[in-house]
Protein backbone atom coordinates (compact mmCIF):
# COMPACT_ATOMS: atom_id res chain seq x y z
CA MET A 1 -10.48 -3.79 -26.71
CA GLN A 2 -6.95 -4.55 -25.31
CA HIS A 3 -5.58 -1.27 -26.10
CA ARG A 4 -8.22 0.85 -24.39
CA THR A 5 -7.53 -1.49 -21.35
CA HIS A 6 -3.70 -0.89 -21.46
CA ILE A 7 -4.20 3.01 -21.95
CA PHE A 8 -6.58 3.02 -18.98
CA LEU A 9 -3.96 1.09 -16.68
CA LEU A 10 -1.19 3.43 -18.13
CA VAL A 11 -3.17 6.43 -17.18
CA LEU A 12 -4.19 5.18 -13.76
CA SER A 13 -0.73 4.16 -12.96
CA TYR A 14 0.50 7.72 -13.95
CA ARG A 15 -2.21 9.50 -11.69
CA ILE A 16 -1.22 7.22 -8.90
CA ALA A 17 2.32 7.95 -9.15
CA SER A 18 1.44 11.93 -9.81
CA ALA A 19 -0.38 11.79 -6.48
CA LEU A 20 1.96 9.74 -4.02
CA HIS A 21 4.77 12.34 -5.71
CA TRP A 22 2.45 15.32 -4.66
CA LYS A 23 1.88 13.75 -1.31
CA MET A 24 5.60 13.01 -0.69
CA SER A 25 6.48 16.64 -1.31
CA LEU A 26 4.20 18.04 1.00
CA PRO A 27 5.25 17.01 4.61
CA GLU A 28 9.15 17.80 4.16
CA GLU A 29 11.72 19.69 1.87
CA GLY A 30 14.00 17.62 -0.48
CA ASN A 31 13.44 15.72 -3.46
CA ALA A 32 10.09 13.90 -3.95
CA CYS A 33 11.01 11.79 -6.52
CA ASP A 34 14.03 10.17 -4.57
CA SER A 35 11.67 9.67 -1.47
CA MET A 36 8.68 8.33 -3.44
CA ASP A 37 11.15 5.66 -5.53
CA GLU A 38 12.41 4.83 -1.88
CA LEU A 39 9.00 4.20 -0.54
CA LEU A 40 8.02 2.16 -3.45
CA ARG A 41 11.25 0.26 -3.32
CA LYS A 42 10.51 -0.50 0.48
CA LEU A 43 6.76 -1.37 -0.22
CA SER A 44 7.93 -3.93 -2.72
CA ARG A 45 9.29 -6.19 0.15
CA VAL A 46 5.91 -6.03 1.93
CA GLU A 47 4.19 -9.34 1.89
CA ARG A 48 0.33 -10.03 2.77
CA VAL A 49 -0.15 -13.12 4.72
CA GLU A 50 -3.74 -14.66 5.31
CA ILE A 51 -4.38 -17.36 7.89
CA SER A 52 -7.29 -19.00 8.40
CA ILE A 53 -8.01 -20.97 11.82
CA GLY A 54 -11.59 -22.40 12.18
CA ARG A 55 -13.86 -19.52 11.56
CA GLU A 56 -11.46 -16.70 12.15
CA SER A 57 -9.16 -15.33 9.47
CA LYS A 58 -6.18 -13.28 10.03
CA VAL A 59 -4.25 -10.88 7.69
CA TRP A 60 -0.53 -9.78 8.49
CA TYR A 61 1.87 -7.66 6.46
CA LEU A 62 5.50 -8.91 6.66
CA ASN A 63 8.45 -7.12 6.06
CA LEU A 64 7.21 -3.79 6.84
CA MET A 65 10.02 -1.33 8.28
CA PRO A 66 9.35 1.01 11.03
CA ASP A 67 10.43 3.88 9.07
CA THR A 68 8.03 3.05 6.01
CA ARG A 69 5.07 2.71 8.65
CA LYS A 70 6.02 6.37 9.74
CA THR A 71 6.20 7.66 5.94
CA ILE A 72 2.77 5.94 5.19
CA ALA A 73 1.29 7.75 8.17
CA LYS A 74 2.87 11.27 7.20
CA ILE A 75 1.25 10.91 3.83
CA GLY A 76 -2.22 10.23 5.52
CA LEU A 77 -2.49 6.59 5.13
CA PRO A 78 -1.83 5.34 8.86
CA GLY A 79 -4.14 2.22 8.71
CA LEU A 80 -2.98 1.01 5.20
CA PHE A 81 -1.19 -1.95 6.64
CA SER A 82 -3.18 -2.65 10.18
CA GLU A 83 -3.88 -6.51 11.20
CA ASN A 84 -7.23 -7.22 9.92
CA VAL A 85 -9.20 -9.95 11.55
CA LYS A 86 -12.55 -11.44 9.80
CA SER A 87 -14.87 -14.03 11.25
CA ARG A 88 -17.01 -16.18 8.98
CA SER A 89 -20.38 -17.51 9.65
CA CYS A 90 -20.77 -21.06 9.59
CA ASN A 91 -23.68 -21.80 7.20
CA ARG A 92 -25.22 -25.43 7.07
């Protein structure tokens, strides 16, 4: 069963990388591999922070550069790293 899981994850990661490569090559001329690798390098710096205060929970993304945000918007994912606020109900 482990081999099937491993193969599934490899195929899934290849499909994601292929889709990202295709999306990166659409908007502008140039080498999509270089820009894809650069985007992935910049995204590796992004940190997700969740803070809970009372009944409210907020999610922020740190170390997200403005040019990275623009690139993400160009490939059609403008709200990927938007601030998220969740309210929890108090069940007693």
